[in-house]
Amino acid sequence: MKHVQLGKSGLRVSRLCLGMMSYGNHSDRPWVLDEQAADPFVKAAVEAGITFFDTADAYSNGQSEVATGKLLAKYFQRDEVTVATKVFMPLGKGPNNWGLSRKHLFQAIDASLTRLNMDYVDLYQIHRFDPTVPVEETMDALNDLVKSGKVRYIGASSMYAWQFQQMQFAAERAGSTKFISMQNHYNLIYREEEREMLPLCRSTGVGVIPWSPLARGFLTGNRERDGVRLTTRAETDAFADILYTDGDFDVVDVVRDLAAKRAVPAAQIALAWLLHQQGVSAPIVGATKLSHLHDAVAACDVKLSADELSALEAPYVPHRILGH
């Protein structure tokens, strides 16, 4: 497994990041695996050379962080692994139990570290933009978390490019810590990030770690044009129904055709396309079957020609902004 710099920072991460949203006890999502069932996936990721793992405090109401901490401790010394988590979503009751206020950021990092059973996280990411809190307050609080030693680097996720730049400028103006990464919604079906966010990240040296690189299984063929859903996730993932529509099957068809010519699974083609995109550091892949993980690792070695890349991109239809 190749390792790359995350943007222009000094942090080195594996070319793939294993998304831990798929793991955690007592989840209300039927496709999520409990801690015991997740163990073989983490073990396989470690054997493949993956050292980068992403979770969030909101996944499975905190239980994903618990599973992440326990499972990584089985296979790594703490300094051998890069652990990322996120903050913003509501957890518990109360007006301050969500968002990006100083109060919530400070209490959220302590709660995440307790669940992870770690002294620090390598990458602490804001899960969304919070329009109710001054960006100066958020960036100042994040800077203090870095200075405290509880956080090594900070990152952001899914927002408009102008919002991201506003936050970066607030940190620059104060001489404080800036974001080194952007975790955004980006795949062959949803490419709106190519308009502003990706050029901004490339020009400023921010690493890109896309979520949903396979469009929540849409690009792998987990549903058909006639409405048939082929997996538990496809049947129960209401968010995917908001993000993707029947108009996106034209892209899926091209992926399938090229996969058939190459005699590889469609997942390898779709992920290989993303790995070819300039500025993308480490797509965050989910896995609830070991084949998912094997395909992701194999995609790192799939080389696509300029003609193949163009063919995959040709049927794209612009979307409204989705995932913020």
Protein backbone atom coordinates (compact mmCIF):
# COMPACT_ATOMS: atom_id res chain seq x y z
CA MET A 1 0.00 0.00 0.00
CA LYS A 2 1.41 3.34 -1.05
CA HIS A 3 1.49 6.21 1.45
CA VAL A 4 1.12 9.85 0.43
CA GLN A 5 1.31 13.27 2.04
CA LEU A 6 -2.11 14.57 3.07
CA GLY A 7 -2.05 17.77 1.04
CA LYS A 8 1.02 19.84 1.78
CA SER A 9 1.02 18.80 5.45
CA GLY A 10 3.62 16.52 6.92
CA LEU A 11 1.04 13.83 7.70
CA ARG A 12 1.52 10.65 5.67
CA VAL A 13 -1.54 8.48 5.08
CA SER A 14 -2.23 5.27 3.22
CA ARG A 15 -3.67 5.72 -0.28
CA LEU A 16 -6.95 4.31 1.01
CA CYS A 17 -8.75 5.15 4.23
CA LEU A 18 -11.06 2.58 5.80
CA GLY A 19 -14.34 4.22 6.78
CA MET A 20 -15.51 2.96 10.15
CA MET A 21 -19.11 4.16 9.77
CA SER A 22 -20.00 0.58 8.83
CA TYR A 23 -19.03 -0.73 12.27
CA GLY A 24 -20.42 -0.26 15.76
CA ASN A 25 -22.72 -2.00 18.22
CA HIS A 26 -26.42 -1.19 18.52
CA SER A 27 -26.71 0.76 15.28
CA ASP A 28 -30.14 1.62 13.91
CA ARG A 29 -28.80 1.01 10.40
CA PRO A 30 -29.36 -2.65 9.46
CA TRP A 31 -26.28 -2.83 7.26
CA VAL A 32 -23.85 -1.79 10.02
CA LEU A 33 -21.74 -4.60 11.49
CA ASP A 34 -21.19 -4.97 15.21
CA GLU A 35 -17.75 -4.84 16.75
CA GLN A 36 -17.13 -8.59 16.59
CA ALA A 37 -18.19 -8.84 12.95
CA ALA A 38 -16.01 -5.85 12.07
CA ASP A 39 -12.80 -7.43 13.36
CA PRO A 40 -12.00 -9.39 10.15
CA PHE A 41 -12.34 -6.21 8.09
CA VAL A 42 -9.90 -4.24 10.19
CA LYS A 43 -7.52 -7.20 10.19
CA ALA A 44 -7.72 -7.46 6.39
CA ALA A 45 -7.16 -3.71 6.05
CA VAL A 46 -4.08 -3.92 8.25
CA GLU A 47 -2.74 -6.85 6.22
CA ALA A 48 -3.26 -4.80 3.03
CA GLY A 49 -1.18 -1.96 4.45
CA ILE A 50 -3.99 0.49 5.29
CA THR A 51 -3.00 2.72 8.21
CA PHE A 52 -5.67 5.44 7.90
CA PHE A 53 -9.07 5.03 9.58
CA ASP A 54 -11.99 7.48 9.68
CA THR A 55 -14.94 7.61 12.06
CA ALA A 56 -17.22 10.23 13.68
CA ASP A 57 -18.82 10.79 17.04
CA ALA A 58 -22.28 10.52 15.48
CA TYR A 59 -21.79 7.12 13.84
CA SER A 60 -23.88 4.55 15.70
CA ASN A 61 -24.33 7.13 18.45
CA GLY A 62 -20.67 6.94 19.39
CA GLN A 63 -20.30 3.18 19.15
CA SER A 64 -18.28 3.40 15.94
CA GLU A 65 -15.59 5.28 17.88
CA VAL A 66 -15.69 2.61 20.59
CA ALA A 67 -15.24 -0.15 18.00
CA THR A 68 -12.52 1.81 16.22
CA GLY A 69 -10.50 2.25 19.38
CA LYS A 70 -10.77 -1.38 20.45
CA LEU A 71 -10.05 -2.88 17.05
CA LEU A 72 -7.12 -0.66 16.17
CA ALA A 73 -5.53 -1.36 19.54
CA LYS A 74 -5.44 -5.06 18.58
CA TYR A 75 -3.35 -4.47 15.48
CA PHE A 76 -1.35 -1.27 15.97
CA GLN A 77 0.79 0.62 18.38
CA ARG A 78 -0.80 4.06 18.66
CA ASP A 79 1.96 5.84 16.71
CA GLU A 80 1.63 3.39 13.78
CA VAL A 81 -1.89 4.41 12.80
CA THR A 82 -3.66 7.59 11.68
CA VAL A 83 -7.05 8.03 13.32
CA ALA A 84 -9.58 10.60 12.13
CA THR A 85 -12.90 11.47 13.71
CA LYS A 86 -15.49 14.19 13.24
CA VAL A 87 -17.63 16.61 15.24
CA PHE A 88 -20.80 18.63 14.61
CA MET A 89 -23.83 16.34 14.60
CA PRO A 90 -26.22 16.28 17.58
CA LEU A 91 -25.35 13.83 20.37
CA GLY A 92 -27.64 13.81 23.36
CA LYS A 93 -30.04 16.51 24.49
CA GLY A 94 -29.37 20.15 25.16
CA PRO A 95 -28.80 23.28 23.07
CA ASN A 96 -25.01 22.93 23.19
CA ASN A 97 -24.74 19.26 22.26
CA TRP A 98 -24.18 19.94 18.58
CA GLY A 99 -22.41 22.37 16.26
CA LEU A 100 -19.05 24.11 16.27
CA SER A 101 -19.15 26.33 19.35
CA ARG A 102 -16.16 26.40 21.67
CA LYS A 103 -18.24 24.71 24.35
CA HIS A 104 -19.30 21.84 22.11
CA LEU A 105 -15.88 21.34 20.50
CA PHE A 106 -14.19 21.06 23.89
CA GLN A 107 -16.71 18.64 25.33
CA ALA A 108 -16.95 16.63 22.10
CA ILE A 109 -13.21 15.97 21.80
CA ASP A 110 -13.07 14.71 25.39
CA ALA A 111 -16.01 12.40 24.76
CA SER A 112 -14.48 11.10 21.51
CA LEU A 113 -11.13 10.42 23.16
CA THR A 114 -12.89 8.52 25.95
CA ARG A 115 -14.76 6.35 23.47
CA LEU A 116 -11.63 5.78 21.37
CA ASN A 117 -9.57 5.16 24.51
CA MET A 118 -6.85 7.39 23.08
CA ASP A 119 -4.95 10.44 24.28
CA TYR A 120 -5.23 12.24 20.94
CA VAL A 121 -6.64 12.00 17.43
CA ASP A 122 -4.48 12.59 14.39
CA LEU A 123 -7.14 14.39 12.34
CA TYR A 124 -10.12 16.16 13.93
CA GLN A 125 -12.67 17.18 11.31
CA ILE A 126 -15.70 19.43 11.44
CA HIS A 127 -18.49 17.29 10.01
CA ARG A 128 -20.37 20.24 8.50
CA PHE A 129 -20.27 24.05 8.42
CA ASP A 130 -22.10 25.76 11.31
CA PRO A 131 -23.66 29.08 10.23
CA THR A 132 -24.78 29.81 13.80
CA VAL A 133 -21.25 30.20 15.19
CA PRO A 134 -18.68 32.84 14.16
CA VAL A 135 -15.92 31.19 12.15
CA GLU A 136 -13.36 32.97 14.36
CA GLU A 137 -14.72 31.19 17.43
CA THR A 138 -14.58 27.79 15.76
CA MET A 139 -11.07 28.22 14.37
CA ASP A 140 -9.77 29.62 17.65
CA ALA A 141 -11.21 26.67 19.57
CA LEU A 142 -9.77 24.16 17.09
CA ASN A 143 -6.40 25.85 17.37
CA ASP A 144 -6.57 25.49 21.16
CA LEU A 145 -7.33 21.78 20.79
CA VAL A 146 -4.21 21.40 18.65
CA LYS A 147 -2.14 23.35 21.17
CA SER A 148 -3.52 21.17 23.99
CA GLY A 149 -2.13 18.03 22.32
CA LYS A 150 -5.53 16.38 21.98
CA VAL A 151 -5.53 16.96 18.22
CA ARG A 152 -2.60 16.78 15.80
CA TYR A 153 -4.24 18.22 12.65
CA ILE A 154 -7.66 19.58 11.71
CA GLY A 155 -9.82 18.96 8.67
CA ALA A 156 -13.23 19.89 7.30
CA SER A 157 -16.05 18.17 5.46
CA SER A 158 -18.83 19.01 2.98
CA MET A 159 -19.45 22.73 2.65
CA TYR A 160 -19.34 25.42 0.00
CA ALA A 161 -15.90 26.50 -1.15
CA TRP A 162 -16.53 30.08 0.02
CA GLN A 163 -17.34 28.81 3.51
CA PHE A 164 -14.18 26.73 3.61
CA GLN A 165 -12.05 29.64 2.45
CA GLN A 166 -13.73 31.93 4.98
CA MET A 167 -12.65 29.58 7.78
CA GLN A 168 -9.14 29.20 6.39
CA PHE A 169 -8.79 32.96 6.12
CA ALA A 170 -9.97 33.44 9.72
CA ALA A 171 -7.21 31.08 10.88
CA GLU A 172 -4.60 32.71 8.66
CA ARG A 173 -5.56 36.15 9.87
CA ALA A 174 -5.15 35.01 13.49
CA GLY A 175 -1.94 33.12 12.81
CA SER A 176 -3.55 29.89 13.99
CA THR A 177 -3.99 26.33 12.77
CA LYS A 178 -5.55 25.82 9.33
CA PHE A 179 -7.34 22.81 7.87
CA ILE A 180 -5.10 20.35 6.06
CA SER A 181 -7.86 18.25 4.50
CA MET A 182 -11.33 18.32 2.97
CA GLN A 183 -13.61 15.28 3.25
CA ASN A 184 -16.18 15.92 0.57
CA HIS A 185 -18.81 14.15 -1.50
CA TYR A 186 -17.09 13.14 -4.73
CA ASN A 187 -17.48 10.22 -7.13
CA LEU A 188 -18.23 9.49 -10.79
CA ILE A 189 -21.93 10.22 -10.27
CA TYR A 190 -21.47 13.40 -8.23
CA ARG A 191 -18.74 15.69 -9.59
CA GLU A 192 -19.98 19.14 -8.61
CA GLU A 193 -16.92 19.51 -6.36
CA GLU A 194 -14.83 19.90 -9.52
CA ARG A 195 -16.27 23.39 -10.04
CA GLU A 196 -14.84 25.18 -7.00
CA MET A 197 -13.84 23.03 -4.03
CA LEU A 198 -11.29 20.81 -5.76
CA PRO A 199 -9.48 23.66 -7.54
CA LEU A 200 -9.36 25.53 -4.22
CA CYS A 201 -7.89 22.52 -2.43
CA ARG A 202 -5.30 21.92 -5.14
CA SER A 203 -4.22 25.55 -5.24
CA THR A 204 -3.86 25.81 -1.45
CA GLY A 205 -2.34 22.40 -0.76
CA VAL A 206 -5.32 20.89 1.04
CA GLY A 207 -5.61 17.09 0.81
CA VAL A 208 -8.89 15.61 -0.41
CA ILE A 209 -10.33 12.47 1.20
CA PRO A 210 -13.70 11.91 -0.52
CA TRP A 211 -16.60 10.21 1.20
CA SER A 212 -18.90 7.86 -0.69
CA PRO A 213 -16.39 7.19 -3.48
CA LEU A 214 -18.66 4.44 -4.82
CA ALA A 215 -21.87 6.45 -4.38
CA ARG A 216 -23.04 4.30 -1.48
CA GLY A 217 -22.84 1.21 -3.69
CA PHE A 218 -24.71 2.73 -6.64
CA LEU A 219 -21.61 2.53 -8.84
CA THR A 220 -21.07 -1.12 -7.92
CA GLY A 221 -24.51 -2.16 -9.14
CA ASN A 222 -26.41 -2.51 -5.88
CA ARG A 223 -29.62 -1.37 -7.59
CA GLU A 224 -31.17 -1.65 -11.05
CA ARG A 225 -33.10 0.70 -13.33
CA ASP A 226 -36.34 -1.20 -12.68
CA GLY A 227 -36.14 -0.34 -8.99
CA VAL A 228 -34.80 -3.66 -7.76
CA ARG A 229 -32.49 -3.26 -4.73
CA LEU A 230 -29.84 -5.97 -4.48
CA THR A 231 -28.35 -5.34 -1.03
CA THR A 232 -29.58 -4.55 2.46
CA ARG A 233 -27.97 -1.14 2.27
CA ALA A 234 -29.62 -0.32 -1.04
CA GLU A 235 -32.99 -1.30 0.45
CA THR A 236 -32.59 0.74 3.64
CA ASP A 237 -30.26 3.67 2.87
CA ALA A 238 -32.74 6.54 2.49
CA PHE A 239 -29.92 9.08 2.18
CA ALA A 240 -28.75 7.41 -1.04
CA ASP A 241 -32.21 7.93 -2.52
CA ILE A 242 -31.80 11.66 -1.91
CA LEU A 243 -28.34 11.79 -3.44
CA TYR A 244 -28.77 9.65 -6.56
CA THR A 245 -31.52 9.15 -9.13
CA ASP A 246 -32.40 7.07 -12.17
CA GLY A 247 -30.60 9.62 -14.33
CA ASP A 248 -27.31 8.39 -12.90
CA PHE A 249 -27.63 4.89 -14.37
CA ASP A 250 -26.03 6.07 -17.63
CA VAL A 251 -22.76 6.51 -15.73
CA VAL A 252 -23.19 3.11 -14.07
CA ASP A 253 -23.67 1.48 -17.47
CA VAL A 254 -20.35 2.85 -18.75
CA VAL A 255 -18.60 1.66 -15.58
CA ARG A 256 -20.09 -1.80 -16.03
CA ASP A 257 -19.08 -1.95 -19.70
CA LEU A 258 -15.49 -1.02 -19.00
CA ALA A 259 -15.36 -3.42 -16.05
CA ALA A 260 -16.54 -6.23 -18.31
CA LYS A 261 -13.85 -5.40 -20.91
CA ARG A 262 -11.20 -5.33 -18.20
CA ALA A 263 -12.64 -8.46 -16.51
CA VAL A 264 -12.67 -6.73 -13.11
CA PRO A 265 -15.52 -5.73 -10.77
CA ALA A 266 -17.20 -2.39 -11.40
CA ALA A 267 -16.05 -1.17 -7.99
CA GLN A 268 -12.43 -1.31 -9.11
CA ILE A 269 -13.11 0.84 -12.16
CA ALA A 270 -15.12 3.46 -10.28
CA LEU A 271 -12.57 3.76 -7.50
CA ALA A 272 -9.64 3.73 -9.93
CA TRP A 273 -11.18 6.74 -11.68
CA LEU A 274 -11.25 8.63 -8.39
CA LEU A 275 -7.66 7.69 -7.61
CA HIS A 276 -6.65 9.20 -10.95
CA GLN A 277 -8.06 12.62 -10.02
CA GLN A 278 -5.49 15.28 -9.22
CA GLY A 279 -5.50 16.31 -5.57
CA VAL A 280 -7.30 13.25 -4.23
CA SER A 281 -5.17 11.86 -1.40
CA ALA A 282 -7.12 8.94 0.08
CA PRO A 283 -10.73 8.00 -0.71
CA ILE A 284 -12.67 6.75 2.31
CA VAL A 285 -13.96 3.28 1.47
CA GLY A 286 -16.58 1.35 3.38
CA ALA A 287 -16.71 -2.43 3.55
CA THR A 288 -19.37 -4.81 4.85
CA LYS A 289 -18.13 -7.71 2.73
CA LEU A 290 -14.47 -8.65 2.46
CA SER A 291 -14.77 -8.43 -1.31
CA HIS A 292 -15.46 -4.71 -0.90
CA LEU A 293 -12.11 -4.26 0.76
CA HIS A 294 -10.27 -6.50 -1.70
CA ASP A 295 -11.70 -4.54 -4.64
CA ALA A 296 -10.66 -1.24 -3.07
CA VAL A 297 -7.09 -2.41 -2.59
CA ALA A 298 -6.94 -3.84 -6.12
CA ALA A 299 -8.21 -0.53 -7.55
CA CYS A 300 -4.95 1.11 -6.50
CA ASP A 301 -3.20 -0.84 -9.25
CA VAL A 302 -5.77 -0.26 -12.01
CA LYS A 303 -4.39 2.15 -14.60
CA LEU A 304 -6.93 3.87 -16.82
CA SER A 305 -6.07 5.39 -20.18
CA ALA A 306 -7.03 8.92 -21.16
CA ASP A 307 -9.71 7.49 -23.47
CA GLU A 308 -11.11 5.34 -20.70
CA LEU A 309 -11.22 8.26 -18.30
CA SER A 310 -13.03 10.36 -20.90
CA ALA A 311 -15.54 7.59 -21.60
CA LEU A 312 -16.33 7.25 -17.89
CA GLU A 313 -16.88 10.99 -17.56
CA ALA A 314 -18.90 11.55 -20.75
CA PRO A 315 -22.40 10.64 -19.50
CA TYR A 316 -22.23 12.86 -16.40
CA VAL A 317 -25.24 15.09 -15.77
CA PRO A 318 -24.89 18.12 -13.46
CA HIS A 319 -26.55 17.81 -10.05
CA ARG A 320 -27.83 20.28 -7.52
CA ILE A 321 -25.55 20.57 -4.49
CA LEU A 322 -25.91 17.37 -2.45
CA GLY A 323 -24.41 16.20 0.81
CA HIS A 324 -23.78 19.50 2.61
